[in-house]
C-alpha atoms as a PDB file:
ATOM      1  CA  MET A   1      -9.834 -23.709 -30.476  1.00  0.00           C
ATOM      2  CA  ASP A   2      -8.216 -27.423 -29.058  1.00  0.00           C
ATOM      3  CA  GLY A   3      -9.760 -28.810 -26.086  1.00  0.00           C
ATOM      4  CA  ASN A   4      -7.009 -27.789 -23.634  1.00  0.00           C
ATOM      5  CA  LYS A   5      -7.278 -24.244 -24.005  1.00  0.00           C
ATOM      6  CA  PHE A   6      -9.571 -21.691 -22.694  1.00  0.00           C
ATOM      7  CA  SER A   7     -10.409 -18.444 -22.885  1.00  0.00           C
ATOM      8  CA  SER A   8      -9.468 -16.058 -19.321  1.00  0.00           C
ATOM      9  CA  ILE A   9     -12.568 -13.838 -20.969  1.00  0.00           C
ATOM     10  CA  ASP A  10     -14.853 -16.764 -20.239  1.00  0.00           C
ATOM     11  CA  MET A  11     -13.687 -17.977 -17.161  1.00  0.00           C
ATOM     12  CA  THR A  12     -14.645 -14.543 -14.926  1.00  0.00           C
ATOM     13  CA  ILE A  13     -13.539 -15.502 -11.826  1.00  0.00           C
ATOM     14  CA  TYR A  14      -9.622 -16.057 -10.563  1.00  0.00           C
ATOM     15  CA  ILE A  15      -8.425 -17.582  -7.368  1.00  0.00           C
ATOM     16  CA  GLY A  16      -5.208 -17.137  -6.215  1.00  0.00           C
ATOM     17  CA  ASN A  17      -2.838 -18.671  -3.853  1.00  0.00           C
ATOM     18  CA  LEU A  18      -4.972 -22.142  -4.164  1.00  0.00           C
ATOM     19  CA  SER A  19      -3.285 -24.903  -2.475  1.00  0.00           C
ATOM     20  CA  TYR A  20      -2.172 -27.398  -4.614  1.00  0.00           C
ATOM     21  CA  ARG A  21      -3.991 -30.026  -3.076  1.00  0.00           C
ATOM     22  CA  ALA A  22      -6.935 -28.582  -3.985  1.00  0.00           C
ATOM     23  CA  THR A  23      -9.096 -30.194  -7.020  1.00  0.00           C
ATOM     24  CA  GLU A  24     -11.885 -29.063  -8.947  1.00  0.00           C
ATOM     25  CA  GLU A  25     -14.208 -30.984  -7.378  1.00  0.00           C
ATOM     26  CA  ASP A  26     -13.339 -29.347  -4.354  1.00  0.00           C
ATOM     27  CA  LEU A  27     -13.669 -25.893  -6.062  1.00  0.00           C
ATOM     28  CA  LYS A  28     -16.905 -26.734  -7.278  1.00  0.00           C
ATOM     29  CA  ALA A  29     -17.888 -28.073  -3.928  1.00  0.00           C
ATOM     30  CA  VAL A  30     -16.945 -23.931  -2.373  1.00  0.00           C
ATOM     31  CA  PHE A  31     -18.461 -22.172  -5.149  1.00  0.00           C
ATOM     32  CA  ALA A  32     -21.331 -24.107  -5.314  1.00  0.00           C
ATOM     33  CA  GLU A  33     -22.583 -22.689  -2.371  1.00  0.00           C
ATOM     34  CA  TYR A  34     -22.888 -19.244  -4.088  1.00  0.00           C
ATOM     35  CA  GLY A  35     -25.059 -20.677  -7.178  1.00  0.00           C
ATOM     36  CA  THR A  36     -24.322 -23.215 -10.201  1.00  0.00           C
ATOM     37  CA  VAL A  37     -20.640 -23.526 -11.537  1.00  0.00           C
ATOM     38  CA  LYS A  38     -20.270 -24.036 -15.117  1.00  0.00           C
ATOM     39  CA  ARG A  39     -16.590 -24.388 -15.430  1.00  0.00           C
ATOM     40  CA  VAL A  40     -13.659 -24.974 -13.283  1.00  0.00           C
ATOM     41  CA  VAL A  41     -10.476 -24.654 -14.938  1.00  0.00           C
ATOM     42  CA  LEU A  42      -7.117 -25.781 -12.862  1.00  0.00           C
ATOM     43  CA  PRO A  43      -3.861 -25.215 -14.942  1.00  0.00           C
ATOM     44  CA  THR A  44      -0.764 -27.163 -14.315  1.00  0.00           C
ATOM     45  CA  ASP A  45       2.994 -26.636 -15.588  1.00  0.00           C
ATOM     46  CA  ARG A  46       3.506 -27.624 -19.179  1.00  0.00           C
ATOM     47  CA  GLU A  47       6.629 -29.528 -17.659  1.00  0.00           C
ATOM     48  CA  THR A  48       5.976 -30.937 -14.065  1.00  0.00           C
ATOM     49  CA  GLY A  49       2.284 -31.943 -14.867  1.00  0.00           C
ATOM     50  CA  ARG A  50       1.963 -30.266 -11.179  1.00  0.00           C
ATOM     51  CA  MET A  51      -0.712 -27.825 -10.254  1.00  0.00           C
ATOM     52  CA  ARG A  52       0.120 -24.103 -10.808  1.00  0.00           C
ATOM     53  CA  GLY A  53      -1.508 -22.705  -7.902  1.00  0.00           C
ATOM     54  CA  PHE A  54      -4.423 -20.602  -9.173  1.00  0.00           C
ATOM     55  CA  ALA A  55      -7.676 -21.633 -11.137  1.00  0.00           C
ATOM     56  CA  PHE A  56     -11.011 -20.055 -12.750  1.00  0.00           C
ATOM     57  CA  VAL A  57     -14.096 -20.602 -12.281  1.00  0.00           C
ATOM     58  CA  GLU A  58     -17.437 -19.418 -14.251  1.00  0.00           C
ATOM     59  CA  MET A  59     -20.610 -19.248 -12.977  1.00  0.00           C
ATOM     60  CA  MET A  60     -24.216 -19.355 -14.361  1.00  0.00           C
ATOM     61  CA  GLU A  61     -25.065 -15.863 -13.240  1.00  0.00           C
ATOM     62  CA  ASP A  62     -23.039 -12.048 -12.639  1.00  0.00           C
ATOM     63  CA  ALA A  63     -24.486 -11.639  -9.175  1.00  0.00           C
ATOM     64  CA  GLN A  64     -23.549 -14.899  -8.037  1.00  0.00           C
ATOM     65  CA  GLU A  65     -19.876 -14.194  -9.196  1.00  0.00           C
ATOM     66  CA  ASP A  66     -19.802 -10.819  -7.025  1.00  0.00           C
ATOM     67  CA  ALA A  67     -21.241 -12.850  -3.913  1.00  0.00           C
ATOM     68  CA  ALA A  68     -18.803 -15.489  -3.965  1.00  0.00           C
ATOM     69  CA  ILE A  69     -15.831 -13.086  -4.947  1.00  0.00           C
ATOM     70  CA  GLY A  70     -17.466 -11.027  -1.818  1.00  0.00           C
ATOM     71  CA  GLU A  71     -17.497 -14.135   0.616  1.00  0.00           C
ATOM     72  CA  LEU A  72     -13.899 -15.955  -0.343  1.00  0.00           C
ATOM     73  CA  ASP A  73     -11.835 -13.121  -0.975  1.00  0.00           C
ATOM     74  CA  GLY A  74      -9.389 -13.307   1.965  1.00  0.00           C
ATOM     75  CA  ALA A  75     -10.656 -16.272   3.141  1.00  0.00           C
ATOM     76  CA  GLU A  76      -8.625 -19.207   4.370  1.00  0.00           C
ATOM     77  CA  TRP A  77      -9.175 -22.276   2.941  1.00  0.00           C
ATOM     78  CA  MET A  78      -6.859 -25.538   3.421  1.00  0.00           C
ATOM     79  CA  GLY A  79      -4.053 -23.491   4.758  1.00  0.00           C
ATOM     80  CA  ARG A  80      -4.065 -20.772   2.686  1.00  0.00           C
ATOM     81  CA  ALA A  81      -5.463 -17.156   2.306  1.00  0.00           C
ATOM     82  CA  LEU A  82      -7.226 -17.147  -1.013  1.00  0.00           C
ATOM     83  CA  ARG A  83      -7.093 -14.188  -3.578  1.00  0.00           C
ATOM     84  CA  VAL A  84     -10.404 -14.263  -5.257  1.00  0.00           C
ATOM     85  CA  ASN A  85     -11.128 -11.635  -8.039  1.00  0.00           C
ATOM     86  CA  LYS A  86     -12.911 -10.974 -11.469  1.00  0.00           C
ATOM     87  CA  ALA A  87     -10.478 -12.836 -13.886  1.00  0.00           C
ATOM     88  CA  LYS A  88      -8.822  -9.920 -16.547  1.00  0.00           C
ATOM     89  CA  PRO A  89      -9.022 -11.068 -20.045  1.00  0.00           C
ATOM     90  CA  LYS A  90      -5.620 -12.407 -21.086  1.00  0.00           C
ATOM     91  CA  GLU A  91      -3.461 -10.265 -23.212  1.00  0.00           C
ATOM     92  CA  GLU A  92      -2.867 -12.358 -26.483  1.00  0.00           C
ATOM     93  CA  GLY A  93       1.056 -12.662 -28.118  1.00  0.00           C
ATOM     94  CA  ASN A  94       2.064 -11.307 -24.387  1.00  0.00           C
ATOM     95  CA  ARG A  95       3.812 -14.781 -23.003  1.00  0.00           C
ATOM     96  CA  ASP A  96       7.072 -13.018 -21.899  1.00  0.00           C
ATOM     97  CA  SER A  97       7.931 -11.415 -18.820  1.00  0.00           C
ATOM     98  CA  GLY A  98       8.386  -7.685 -20.252  1.00  0.00           C
ATOM     99  CA  PHE A  99      11.071  -7.853 -22.072  1.00  0.00           C
ATOM    100  CA  ASN A 100      10.329  -6.042 -25.411  1.00  0.00           C
ATOM    101  CA  ARG A 101      12.440  -7.455 -28.124  1.00  0.00           C
ATOM    102  CA  ASN A 102      12.412  -4.419 -30.052  1.00  0.00           C
ATOM    103  CA  SER A 103      13.676  -1.833 -27.486  1.00  0.00           C
ATOM    104  CA  GLY A 104      16.933  -1.751 -28.910  1.00  0.00           C
ATOM    105  CA  TYR A 105      19.048  -3.591 -27.375  1.00  0.00           C
END
């Protein structure tokens, strides 16, 4: 696997409705209040290079993740109400918007 890809299975916290001004360091600082941050990923748009408005954070322990999720979900940060919850594993090969090519149409 190349270094630019990541598995959302490893990233256990999803942060949505994130300010486009947020940086990896900003997120590390906020989540460090709840424990040790192992990794932060801020996905960017392939074409524009701009942040996509969400991130993934991985912490050392499940209890730390649960505390962060409980405290930060719905909290206002950088002028936005955050959505913070457990990340769901990405479904392989499901990159389209729901259009089924094999539907017969």
